Each structure stands twice: as C-alpha cells, then as structure tokens.
Amino acid sequence: METRIEELESRIAFQEAAIEELTQASLAQQKSIEGLQAQLDYLKSLVKDMAPSAVAPMSEETPPPHY
C-alpha cells in the first residue's frame, strides 16, 4: 500500500512539473504572438501610407471641360 501511495505522489509531482512547463511555454508563445501582432500592425500602417490613393487631391484635379 505504501509503495502505491509513493508511486501516485511521484506521478502527481511529475504531472505538476509538466503542467508548469506547458504553462510557461504557453505564456512565452502568447508574448511572442503579441509582439508579432504589433509588428504586423506597424507594417500594415506603413504599407497603407505608401499605397497611392485612387482619388487625387483637389490641388491635382483638373477642372471639368465646361469651365
């Protein structure tokens, strides 16, 4: 009976260690994802600023032919 209890305690300790390791890995991945999302948002804003607009500014518009 004593051996079985010790074995169960050992298993629980191993499982707790494994859960803690998985938790730390998950937190590291989440931090990495957040950093990548921030970089992606920044790059999106750069591309948006670089893309030409389909509408010309008023200063570049030619007046209609009837003027």
N, C-alpha and C. Protein backbone atom coordinates (compact mmCIF):
# COMPACT_ATOMS: atom_id res chain seq x y z
N MET A 1 0.82 -1.20 0.00
CA MET A 1 0.00 0.00 0.00
C MET A 1 0.86 1.26 0.00
N GLU A 2 1.93 1.23 0.80
CA GLU A 2 2.84 2.37 0.90
C GLU A 2 3.51 2.66 -0.45
N THR A 3 3.87 1.63 -1.16
CA THR A 3 4.52 1.78 -2.47
C THR A 3 3.57 2.43 -3.46
N ARG A 4 2.32 2.04 -3.43
CA ARG A 4 1.33 2.61 -4.35
C ARG A 4 1.13 4.10 -4.08
N ILE A 5 1.11 4.48 -2.81
CA ILE A 5 0.95 5.89 -2.47
C ILE A 5 2.15 6.69 -2.94
N GLU A 6 3.34 6.15 -2.73
CA GLU A 6 4.56 6.82 -3.18
C GLU A 6 4.58 6.97 -4.70
N GLU A 7 4.11 5.93 -5.39
CA GLU A 7 4.05 5.99 -6.85
C GLU A 7 3.06 7.06 -7.31
N LEU A 8 1.92 7.14 -6.66
CA LEU A 8 0.93 8.16 -7.00
C LEU A 8 1.47 9.56 -6.72
N GLU A 9 2.16 9.73 -5.60
CA GLU A 9 2.76 11.02 -5.28
C GLU A 9 3.81 11.41 -6.33
N SER A 10 4.56 10.43 -6.76
CA SER A 10 5.57 10.68 -7.78
C SER A 10 4.92 11.09 -9.10
N ARG A 11 3.85 10.42 -9.47
CA ARG A 11 3.13 10.77 -10.70
C ARG A 11 2.55 12.18 -10.62
N ILE A 12 1.98 12.51 -9.48
CA ILE A 12 1.40 13.85 -9.30
C ILE A 12 2.49 14.91 -9.41
N ALA A 13 3.63 14.66 -8.79
CA ALA A 13 4.72 15.62 -8.86
C ALA A 13 5.18 15.79 -10.31
N PHE A 14 5.27 14.69 -11.05
CA PHE A 14 5.67 14.77 -12.46
C PHE A 14 4.64 15.55 -13.26
N GLN A 15 3.36 15.28 -13.02
CA GLN A 15 2.30 15.98 -13.75
C GLN A 15 2.30 17.47 -13.42
N GLU A 16 2.53 17.84 -12.17
CA GLU A 16 2.59 19.24 -11.80
C GLU A 16 3.76 19.94 -12.50
N ALA A 17 4.89 19.27 -12.58
CA ALA A 17 6.04 19.84 -13.27
C ALA A 17 5.76 20.00 -14.76
N ALA A 18 5.10 19.00 -15.34
CA ALA A 18 4.77 19.06 -16.76
C ALA A 18 3.78 20.19 -17.03
N ILE A 19 2.79 20.35 -16.17
CA ILE A 19 1.81 21.42 -16.33
C ILE A 19 2.49 22.78 -16.22
N GLU A 20 3.38 22.94 -15.27
CA GLU A 20 4.10 24.21 -15.12
C GLU A 20 4.95 24.51 -16.35
N GLU A 21 5.60 23.49 -16.89
CA GLU A 21 6.41 23.67 -18.09
C GLU A 21 5.53 24.07 -19.28
N LEU A 22 4.39 23.43 -19.43
CA LEU A 22 3.47 23.77 -20.52
C LEU A 22 2.90 25.18 -20.35
N THR A 23 2.63 25.57 -19.12
CA THR A 23 2.13 26.91 -18.84
C THR A 23 3.17 27.95 -19.24
N GLN A 24 4.41 27.71 -18.89
CA GLN A 24 5.48 28.65 -19.24
C GLN A 24 5.65 28.74 -20.76
N ALA A 25 5.57 27.61 -21.42
CA ALA A 25 5.69 27.61 -22.89
C ALA A 25 4.52 28.36 -23.52
N SER A 26 3.34 28.17 -22.97
CA SER A 26 2.16 28.87 -23.49
C SER A 26 2.29 30.38 -23.29
N LEU A 27 2.77 30.80 -22.13
CA LEU A 27 2.96 32.23 -21.87
C LEU A 27 4.01 32.83 -22.81
N ALA A 28 5.08 32.09 -23.05
CA ALA A 28 6.12 32.58 -23.97
C ALA A 28 5.57 32.71 -25.38
N GLN A 29 4.76 31.75 -25.81
CA GLN A 29 4.15 31.82 -27.13
C GLN A 29 3.19 33.00 -27.24
N GLN A 30 2.42 33.25 -26.20
CA GLN A 30 1.48 34.37 -26.21
C GLN A 30 2.23 35.69 -26.30
N LYS A 31 3.33 35.81 -25.58
CA LYS A 31 4.14 37.03 -25.63
C LYS A 31 4.71 37.22 -27.03
N SER A 32 5.16 36.14 -27.63
CA SER A 32 5.69 36.18 -28.98
C SER A 32 4.61 36.58 -29.98
N ILE A 33 3.42 36.03 -29.84
CA ILE A 33 2.30 36.35 -30.73
C ILE A 33 1.95 37.83 -30.61
N GLU A 34 1.93 38.36 -29.39
CA GLU A 34 1.61 39.77 -29.20
C GLU A 34 2.65 40.66 -29.86
N GLY A 35 3.92 40.28 -29.76
CA GLY A 35 4.98 41.05 -30.41
C GLY A 35 4.85 41.00 -31.92
N LEU A 36 4.55 39.84 -32.45
CA LEU A 36 4.37 39.71 -33.89
C LEU A 36 3.15 40.48 -34.38
N GLN A 37 2.09 40.49 -33.59
CA GLN A 37 0.89 41.25 -33.95
C GLN A 37 1.20 42.74 -33.99
N ALA A 38 1.98 43.23 -33.05
CA ALA A 38 2.36 44.64 -33.04
C ALA A 38 3.19 44.97 -34.28
N GLN A 39 4.11 44.09 -34.64
CA GLN A 39 4.92 44.30 -35.84
C GLN A 39 4.05 44.29 -37.09
N LEU A 40 3.11 43.38 -37.15
CA LEU A 40 2.21 43.29 -38.30
C LEU A 40 1.38 44.56 -38.42
N ASP A 41 0.86 45.04 -37.31
CA ASP A 41 0.07 46.28 -37.34
C ASP A 41 0.92 47.45 -37.83
N TYR A 42 2.16 47.52 -37.38
CA TYR A 42 3.07 48.58 -37.82
C TYR A 42 3.33 48.49 -39.32
N LEU A 43 3.60 47.29 -39.80
CA LEU A 43 3.86 47.11 -41.23
C LEU A 43 2.62 47.42 -42.06
N LYS A 44 1.45 47.07 -41.56
CA LYS A 44 0.21 47.41 -42.26
C LYS A 44 0.08 48.93 -42.42
N SER A 45 0.40 49.65 -41.34
CA SER A 45 0.28 51.10 -41.41
C SER A 45 1.30 51.68 -42.39
N LEU A 46 2.49 51.10 -42.45
CA LEU A 46 3.49 51.57 -43.41
C LEU A 46 3.03 51.34 -44.84
N VAL A 47 2.50 50.16 -45.12
CA VAL A 47 2.04 49.84 -46.47
C VAL A 47 0.86 50.72 -46.84
N LYS A 48 -0.03 50.96 -45.90
CA LYS A 48 -1.19 51.81 -46.16
C LYS A 48 -0.74 53.22 -46.51
N ASP A 49 0.26 53.72 -45.80
CA ASP A 49 0.77 55.07 -46.08
C ASP A 49 1.49 55.14 -47.42
N MET A 50 2.09 54.05 -47.86
CA MET A 50 2.84 54.03 -49.11
C MET A 50 1.93 53.84 -50.33
N ALA A 51 0.78 53.23 -50.14
CA ALA A 51 -0.10 52.93 -51.26
C ALA A 51 -0.70 54.22 -51.81
N PRO A 52 -0.67 54.39 -53.13
CA PRO A 52 -1.26 55.60 -53.70
C PRO A 52 -2.78 55.57 -53.57
N SER A 53 -3.33 56.72 -53.40
CA SER A 53 -4.78 56.82 -53.28
C SER A 53 -5.40 56.81 -54.66
N ALA A 54 -6.59 56.24 -54.78
CA ALA A 54 -7.30 56.21 -56.06
C ALA A 54 -7.88 57.57 -56.40
N VAL A 55 -7.98 58.44 -55.41
CA VAL A 55 -8.55 59.77 -55.61
C VAL A 55 -7.41 60.78 -55.50
N ALA A 56 -7.26 61.61 -56.52
CA ALA A 56 -6.23 62.64 -56.50
C ALA A 56 -6.64 63.77 -55.58
N PRO A 57 -5.66 64.43 -54.95
CA PRO A 57 -6.02 65.57 -54.12
C PRO A 57 -6.62 66.70 -54.96
N MET A 58 -7.37 67.58 -54.35
CA MET A 58 -8.05 68.66 -55.05
C MET A 58 -7.07 69.54 -55.82
N SER A 59 -5.86 69.70 -55.31
CA SER A 59 -4.88 70.55 -55.99
C SER A 59 -4.43 69.94 -57.32
N GLU A 60 -4.55 68.64 -57.47
CA GLU A 60 -4.11 67.98 -58.70
C GLU A 60 -5.28 67.70 -59.64
N GLU A 61 -6.48 67.92 -59.23
CA GLU A 61 -7.66 67.66 -60.08
C GLU A 61 -7.74 68.70 -61.20
N THR A 62 -7.98 68.25 -62.37
CA THR A 62 -8.20 69.18 -63.48
C THR A 62 -9.66 69.61 -63.49
N PRO A 63 -9.92 70.85 -63.83
CA PRO A 63 -11.31 71.28 -63.83
C PRO A 63 -12.09 70.60 -64.94
N PRO A 64 -13.38 70.47 -64.78
CA PRO A 64 -14.20 69.83 -65.80
C PRO A 64 -14.13 70.66 -67.11
N PRO A 65 -14.40 70.04 -68.26
CA PRO A 65 -14.24 70.73 -69.55
C PRO A 65 -15.16 71.93 -69.74
N HIS A 66 -16.23 72.03 -69.02
CA HIS A 66 -17.15 73.14 -69.25
C HIS A 66 -16.72 74.42 -68.53
N TYR A 67 -15.57 74.45 -67.84
CA TYR A 67 -15.09 75.67 -67.17
C TYR A 67 -14.29 76.49 -68.11
